Amino acid sequence: MTEIKEKKYIRSHEPIFWGLFGAGGMLTAFLTPVMILITGLLIPLGIIDKGNFNYQTLHNFATSWYGAAIILILVALPLWHTLHRIFHALHDLGIKRGRDWQQVLCYGFAFAVSVFTFTILLQMF
């Protein structure tokens, strides 16, 4: 008789980071061209009134709950995307020593900036 060995699966935290990477990449791919179009072309050409982007209007937007959530998402997700890409680029470049520290630095920085952004937005209320 053959013995059936039980496979032990090791849980990984990678799906969380790949999910944040994918969400940040999608957000960056869709919104960066729009932001460049608005702030780089439409406002300077006078097609969009720059009064819509004055301090008071943007402050009112940032101090609303939905505005703060949008700003947090616009800052945090592309940052997670970028630092996940940097982490894997280090491996692709052949820098394999200190992989755990690289992971802590990359994801720790993304987490710290996300928390910092959340804190700043929370203090604006």
N, C-alpha and C. Protein backbone atom coordinates (compact mmCIF):
# COMPACT_ATOMS: atom_id res chain seq x y z
N MET A 1 0.82 -1.18 0.00
CA MET A 1 0.00 0.00 0.00
C MET A 1 0.87 1.26 0.00
N THR A 2 0.36 2.22 -0.66
CA THR A 2 1.07 3.50 -0.68
C THR A 2 0.52 4.41 0.40
N GLU A 3 1.42 5.07 0.99
CA GLU A 3 1.00 6.02 2.02
C GLU A 3 0.70 7.37 1.39
N ILE A 4 -0.40 7.92 1.80
CA ILE A 4 -0.75 9.25 1.32
C ILE A 4 -0.23 10.25 2.35
N LYS A 5 0.67 11.09 1.88
CA LYS A 5 1.24 12.08 2.78
C LYS A 5 0.38 13.33 2.77
N GLU A 6 0.18 13.83 3.95
CA GLU A 6 -0.56 15.08 4.06
C GLU A 6 0.35 16.24 3.71
N LYS A 7 -0.14 17.10 2.85
CA LYS A 7 0.65 18.27 2.48
C LYS A 7 0.37 19.37 3.49
N LYS A 8 1.43 19.98 3.93
CA LYS A 8 1.29 21.11 4.83
C LYS A 8 1.47 22.38 4.02
N TYR A 9 0.45 23.19 4.04
CA TYR A 9 0.49 24.44 3.30
C TYR A 9 0.93 25.56 4.22
N ILE A 10 1.87 26.30 3.74
CA ILE A 10 2.35 27.45 4.50
C ILE A 10 1.57 28.67 4.04
N ARG A 11 0.99 29.34 4.98
CA ARG A 11 0.24 30.54 4.62
C ARG A 11 1.20 31.66 4.25
N SER A 12 0.81 32.39 3.24
CA SER A 12 1.64 33.48 2.76
C SER A 12 0.90 34.79 2.89
N HIS A 13 1.64 35.85 3.12
CA HIS A 13 1.06 37.19 3.17
C HIS A 13 1.13 37.88 1.81
N GLU A 14 1.71 37.21 0.83
CA GLU A 14 1.89 37.81 -0.49
C GLU A 14 0.58 38.21 -1.18
N PRO A 15 -0.51 37.45 -1.07
CA PRO A 15 -1.74 37.88 -1.75
C PRO A 15 -2.22 39.27 -1.33
N ILE A 16 -2.00 39.64 -0.09
CA ILE A 16 -2.39 40.98 0.36
C ILE A 16 -1.60 42.04 -0.38
N PHE A 17 -0.28 41.83 -0.47
CA PHE A 17 0.57 42.81 -1.14
C PHE A 17 0.32 42.83 -2.64
N TRP A 18 0.07 41.67 -3.24
CA TRP A 18 -0.24 41.64 -4.67
C TRP A 18 -1.58 42.32 -4.94
N GLY A 19 -2.53 42.19 -4.02
CA GLY A 19 -3.81 42.88 -4.17
C GLY A 19 -3.65 44.39 -4.12
N LEU A 20 -2.85 44.87 -3.15
CA LEU A 20 -2.59 46.31 -3.06
C LEU A 20 -1.81 46.78 -4.28
N PHE A 21 -0.88 45.94 -4.77
CA PHE A 21 -0.11 46.26 -5.97
C PHE A 21 -1.04 46.42 -7.17
N GLY A 22 -1.94 45.48 -7.34
CA GLY A 22 -2.86 45.52 -8.48
C GLY A 22 -3.81 46.70 -8.40
N ALA A 23 -4.34 46.97 -7.22
CA ALA A 23 -5.26 48.10 -7.06
C ALA A 23 -4.54 49.42 -7.30
N GLY A 24 -3.32 49.54 -6.80
CA GLY A 24 -2.55 50.76 -7.01
C GLY A 24 -2.16 50.95 -8.46
N GLY A 25 -1.82 49.85 -9.14
CA GLY A 25 -1.48 49.93 -10.56
C GLY A 25 -2.67 50.33 -11.40
N MET A 26 -3.82 49.76 -11.11
CA MET A 26 -5.04 50.11 -11.86
C MET A 26 -5.42 51.57 -11.64
N LEU A 27 -5.34 52.00 -10.39
CA LEU A 27 -5.67 53.39 -10.08
C LEU A 27 -4.71 54.35 -10.77
N THR A 28 -3.43 54.02 -10.73
CA THR A 28 -2.43 54.86 -11.38
C THR A 28 -2.63 54.90 -12.89
N ALA A 29 -2.90 53.75 -13.48
CA ALA A 29 -3.07 53.69 -14.94
C ALA A 29 -4.28 54.48 -15.41
N PHE A 30 -5.35 54.47 -14.63
CA PHE A 30 -6.56 55.16 -15.06
C PHE A 30 -6.58 56.65 -14.70
N LEU A 31 -6.07 56.99 -13.52
CA LEU A 31 -6.22 58.36 -13.05
C LEU A 31 -5.06 59.30 -13.37
N THR A 32 -3.86 58.77 -13.51
CA THR A 32 -2.72 59.66 -13.80
C THR A 32 -2.90 60.41 -15.11
N PRO A 33 -3.30 59.76 -16.21
CA PRO A 33 -3.51 60.53 -17.44
C PRO A 33 -4.61 61.59 -17.29
N VAL A 34 -5.64 61.28 -16.53
CA VAL A 34 -6.72 62.25 -16.32
C VAL A 34 -6.22 63.44 -15.51
N MET A 35 -5.43 63.18 -14.47
CA MET A 35 -4.90 64.29 -13.67
C MET A 35 -3.94 65.14 -14.48
N ILE A 36 -3.13 64.51 -15.32
CA ILE A 36 -2.23 65.27 -16.19
C ILE A 36 -3.03 66.11 -17.19
N LEU A 37 -4.07 65.53 -17.74
CA LEU A 37 -4.92 66.26 -18.69
C LEU A 37 -5.56 67.48 -18.04
N ILE A 38 -6.11 67.29 -16.85
CA ILE A 38 -6.80 68.40 -16.18
C ILE A 38 -5.81 69.48 -15.75
N THR A 39 -4.77 69.09 -14.99
CA THR A 39 -3.87 70.10 -14.44
C THR A 39 -2.82 70.59 -15.43
N GLY A 40 -2.53 69.81 -16.45
CA GLY A 40 -1.49 70.19 -17.40
C GLY A 40 -1.99 70.84 -18.67
N LEU A 41 -3.25 70.56 -19.04
CA LEU A 41 -3.78 71.11 -20.29
C LEU A 41 -5.06 71.91 -20.12
N LEU A 42 -6.07 71.30 -19.52
CA LEU A 42 -7.39 71.93 -19.49
C LEU A 42 -7.45 73.19 -18.64
N ILE A 43 -6.79 73.20 -17.49
CA ILE A 43 -6.78 74.41 -16.67
C ILE A 43 -5.92 75.50 -17.29
N PRO A 44 -4.67 75.21 -17.72
CA PRO A 44 -3.87 76.28 -18.34
C PRO A 44 -4.48 76.85 -19.62
N LEU A 45 -5.22 76.01 -20.37
CA LEU A 45 -5.85 76.51 -21.59
C LEU A 45 -7.16 77.25 -21.32
N GLY A 46 -7.62 77.23 -20.08
CA GLY A 46 -8.84 77.94 -19.70
C GLY A 46 -10.11 77.18 -19.99
N ILE A 47 -10.01 75.91 -20.36
CA ILE A 47 -11.20 75.10 -20.64
C ILE A 47 -11.94 74.78 -19.33
N ILE A 48 -11.18 74.54 -18.27
CA ILE A 48 -11.76 74.35 -16.94
C ILE A 48 -11.39 75.57 -16.11
N ASP A 49 -12.37 76.11 -15.40
CA ASP A 49 -12.15 77.28 -14.57
C ASP A 49 -11.24 76.93 -13.40
N LYS A 50 -10.15 77.66 -13.22
CA LYS A 50 -9.23 77.35 -12.14
C LYS A 50 -9.79 77.72 -10.78
N GLY A 51 -10.90 78.40 -10.73
CA GLY A 51 -11.58 78.69 -9.47
C GLY A 51 -12.08 77.42 -8.80
N ASN A 52 -12.28 76.36 -9.58
CA ASN A 52 -12.70 75.08 -9.02
C ASN A 52 -11.58 74.40 -8.24
N PHE A 53 -10.36 74.89 -8.41
CA PHE A 53 -9.21 74.27 -7.76
C PHE A 53 -8.52 75.24 -6.80
N ASN A 54 -9.28 76.17 -6.24
CA ASN A 54 -8.69 77.08 -5.27
C ASN A 54 -8.61 76.39 -3.90
N TYR A 55 -7.94 77.05 -2.97
CA TYR A 55 -7.68 76.46 -1.66
C TYR A 55 -8.97 76.10 -0.92
N GLN A 56 -9.92 77.02 -0.90
CA GLN A 56 -11.15 76.80 -0.13
C GLN A 56 -11.94 75.60 -0.67
N THR A 57 -12.03 75.49 -1.98
CA THR A 57 -12.77 74.38 -2.58
C THR A 57 -12.10 73.05 -2.26
N LEU A 58 -10.79 73.01 -2.42
CA LEU A 58 -10.06 71.76 -2.14
C LEU A 58 -10.06 71.43 -0.65
N HIS A 59 -10.01 72.44 0.21
CA HIS A 59 -10.08 72.20 1.65
C HIS A 59 -11.44 71.65 2.04
N ASN A 60 -12.50 72.21 1.48
CA ASN A 60 -13.84 71.69 1.75
C ASN A 60 -13.97 70.24 1.29
N PHE A 61 -13.38 69.93 0.16
CA PHE A 61 -13.40 68.55 -0.33
C PHE A 61 -12.63 67.63 0.61
N ALA A 62 -11.45 68.05 1.04
CA ALA A 62 -10.60 67.21 1.88
C ALA A 62 -11.18 67.01 3.28
N THR A 63 -11.98 67.94 3.74
CA THR A 63 -12.54 67.81 5.09
C THR A 63 -13.89 67.09 5.11
N SER A 64 -14.38 66.67 3.97
CA SER A 64 -15.57 65.82 3.96
C SER A 64 -15.12 64.37 4.05
N TRP A 65 -15.99 63.49 4.56
CA TRP A 65 -15.58 62.09 4.75
C TRP A 65 -15.27 61.41 3.43
N TYR A 66 -16.04 61.69 2.39
CA TYR A 66 -15.79 61.05 1.10
C TYR A 66 -14.53 61.63 0.44
N GLY A 67 -14.28 62.91 0.62
CA GLY A 67 -13.07 63.53 0.08
C GLY A 67 -11.82 62.98 0.74
N ALA A 68 -11.87 62.83 2.07
CA ALA A 68 -10.73 62.28 2.80
C ALA A 68 -10.48 60.83 2.38
N ALA A 69 -11.54 60.06 2.18
CA ALA A 69 -11.37 58.67 1.73
C ALA A 69 -10.75 58.62 0.34
N ILE A 70 -11.19 59.49 -0.54
CA ILE A 70 -10.63 59.52 -1.90
C ILE A 70 -9.17 59.92 -1.87
N ILE A 71 -8.83 60.93 -1.08
CA ILE A 71 -7.43 61.36 -0.99
C ILE A 71 -6.56 60.25 -0.41
N LEU A 72 -7.05 59.57 0.63
CA LEU A 72 -6.29 58.46 1.21
C LEU A 72 -6.04 57.37 0.17
N ILE A 73 -7.05 57.03 -0.60
CA ILE A 73 -6.90 56.01 -1.63
C ILE A 73 -5.94 56.47 -2.72
N LEU A 74 -6.04 57.75 -3.11
CA LEU A 74 -5.16 58.28 -4.16
C LEU A 74 -3.70 58.36 -3.73
N VAL A 75 -3.45 58.43 -2.43
CA VAL A 75 -2.07 58.47 -1.94
C VAL A 75 -1.57 57.07 -1.64
N ALA A 76 -2.36 56.29 -0.91
CA ALA A 76 -1.89 55.01 -0.38
C ALA A 76 -1.71 53.94 -1.46
N LEU A 77 -2.71 53.74 -2.31
CA LEU A 77 -2.62 52.63 -3.26
C LEU A 77 -1.47 52.76 -4.26
N PRO A 78 -1.27 53.92 -4.89
CA PRO A 78 -0.09 54.02 -5.77
C PRO A 78 1.23 53.86 -5.02
N LEU A 79 1.27 54.27 -3.75
CA LEU A 79 2.48 54.08 -2.96
C LEU A 79 2.75 52.60 -2.71
N TRP A 80 1.72 51.84 -2.35
CA TRP A 80 1.88 50.39 -2.16
C TRP A 80 2.32 49.74 -3.48
N HIS A 81 1.74 50.19 -4.58
CA HIS A 81 2.12 49.66 -5.90
C HIS A 81 3.60 49.90 -6.17
N THR A 82 4.04 51.12 -5.94
CA THR A 82 5.43 51.49 -6.21
C THR A 82 6.41 50.71 -5.34
N LEU A 83 6.14 50.62 -4.06
CA LEU A 83 7.08 49.95 -3.17
C LEU A 83 7.07 48.43 -3.35
N HIS A 84 5.96 47.86 -3.76
CA HIS A 84 5.94 46.42 -4.09
C HIS A 84 6.79 46.18 -5.33
N ARG A 85 6.68 47.07 -6.30
CA ARG A 85 7.49 46.96 -7.52
C ARG A 85 8.98 47.12 -7.20
N ILE A 86 9.32 48.06 -6.33
CA ILE A 86 10.72 48.25 -5.93
C ILE A 86 11.24 47.01 -5.21
N PHE A 87 10.43 46.44 -4.32
CA PHE A 87 10.85 45.24 -3.59
C PHE A 87 11.18 44.10 -4.55
N HIS A 88 10.32 43.88 -5.53
CA HIS A 88 10.58 42.79 -6.48
C HIS A 88 11.67 43.15 -7.47
N ALA A 89 11.87 44.42 -7.75
CA ALA A 89 12.96 44.84 -8.64
C ALA A 89 14.31 44.57 -7.98
N LEU A 90 14.40 44.73 -6.67
CA LEU A 90 15.65 44.42 -5.97
C LEU A 90 16.02 42.96 -6.16
N HIS A 91 15.03 42.10 -6.09
CA HIS A 91 15.27 40.67 -6.32
C HIS A 91 15.69 40.41 -7.77
N ASP A 92 15.04 41.08 -8.71
CA ASP A 92 15.38 40.93 -10.12
C ASP A 92 16.78 41.43 -10.43
N LEU A 93 17.24 42.41 -9.68
CA LEU A 93 18.60 42.93 -9.87
C LEU A 93 19.66 42.04 -9.23
N GLY A 94 19.23 41.01 -8.54
CA GLY A 94 20.17 40.07 -7.94
C GLY A 94 20.54 40.39 -6.51
N ILE A 95 19.85 41.32 -5.90
CA ILE A 95 20.11 41.67 -4.50
C ILE A 95 19.25 40.76 -3.65
N LYS A 96 19.84 39.63 -3.23
CA LYS A 96 19.07 38.63 -2.51
C LYS A 96 19.35 38.63 -1.01
N ARG A 97 20.46 39.22 -0.60
CA ARG A 97 20.78 39.26 0.82
C ARG A 97 19.89 40.28 1.52
N GLY A 98 19.45 39.94 2.69
CA GLY A 98 18.62 40.86 3.47
C GLY A 98 17.22 41.01 2.92
N ARG A 99 16.71 39.95 2.29
CA ARG A 99 15.37 40.03 1.68
C ARG A 99 14.30 40.36 2.72
N ASP A 100 14.43 39.82 3.92
CA ASP A 100 13.44 40.12 4.96
C ASP A 100 13.47 41.60 5.33
N TRP A 101 14.67 42.17 5.41
CA TRP A 101 14.79 43.59 5.74
C TRP A 101 14.28 44.46 4.60
N GLN A 102 14.51 44.02 3.38
CA GLN A 102 13.98 44.76 2.23
C GLN A 102 12.46 44.80 2.30
N GLN A 103 11.89 43.67 2.64
CA GLN A 103 10.44 43.58 2.73
C GLN A 103 9.92 44.48 3.85
N VAL A 104 10.58 44.46 4.99
CA VAL A 104 10.17 45.30 6.11
C VAL A 104 10.28 46.77 5.74
N LEU A 105 11.37 47.15 5.09
CA LEU A 105 11.56 48.55 4.72
C LEU A 105 10.53 49.01 3.68
N CYS A 106 10.34 48.22 2.64
CA CYS A 106 9.41 48.63 1.57
C CYS A 106 7.97 48.69 2.08
N TYR A 107 7.50 47.59 2.63
CA TYR A 107 6.11 47.55 3.07
C TYR A 107 5.90 48.38 4.33
N GLY A 108 6.91 48.47 5.17
CA GLY A 108 6.82 49.30 6.36
C GLY A 108 6.70 50.77 6.01
N PHE A 109 7.47 51.21 5.00
CA PHE A 109 7.39 52.60 4.56
C PHE A 109 6.02 52.90 3.98
N ALA A 110 5.50 51.99 3.14
CA ALA A 110 4.18 52.19 2.55
C ALA A 110 3.11 52.25 3.65
N PHE A 111 3.23 51.39 4.64
CA PHE A 111 2.27 51.38 5.74
C PHE A 111 2.38 52.67 6.55
N ALA A 112 3.61 53.09 6.84
CA ALA A 112 3.82 54.30 7.65
C ALA A 112 3.27 55.54 6.95
N VAL A 113 3.50 55.67 5.66
CA VAL A 113 2.99 56.83 4.93
C VAL A 113 1.47 56.78 4.84
N SER A 114 0.91 55.59 4.68
CA SER A 114 -0.54 55.45 4.64
C SER A 114 -1.16 55.87 5.97
N VAL A 115 -0.57 55.43 7.07
CA VAL A 115 -1.06 55.81 8.40
C VAL A 115 -0.88 57.31 8.63
N PHE A 116 0.26 57.85 8.19
CA PHE A 116 0.52 59.29 8.31
C PHE A 116 -0.53 60.09 7.54
N THR A 117 -0.82 59.68 6.32
CA THR A 117 -1.84 60.36 5.51
C THR A 117 -3.20 60.28 6.18
N PHE A 118 -3.55 59.10 6.69
CA PHE A 118 -4.82 58.93 7.38
C PHE A 118 -4.89 59.85 8.60
N THR A 119 -3.79 59.95 9.36
CA THR A 119 -3.75 60.79 10.55
C THR A 119 -3.92 62.27 10.20
N ILE A 120 -3.22 62.71 9.18
CA ILE A 120 -3.32 64.10 8.74
C ILE A 120 -4.75 64.41 8.30
N LEU A 121 -5.35 63.52 7.53
CA LEU A 121 -6.72 63.74 7.07
C LEU A 121 -7.71 63.73 8.24
N LEU A 122 -7.44 62.87 9.21
CA LEU A 122 -8.32 62.80 10.38
C LEU A 122 -8.23 64.09 11.20
N GLN A 123 -7.05 64.69 11.28
CA GLN A 123 -6.86 65.91 12.03
C GLN A 123 -7.52 67.11 11.35
N MET A 124 -7.81 67.01 10.07
CA MET A 124 -8.42 68.12 9.36
C MET A 124 -9.91 68.28 9.70
N PHE A 125 -10.51 67.25 10.28
CA PHE A 125 -11.93 67.34 10.62
C PHE A 125 -12.18 68.23 11.80
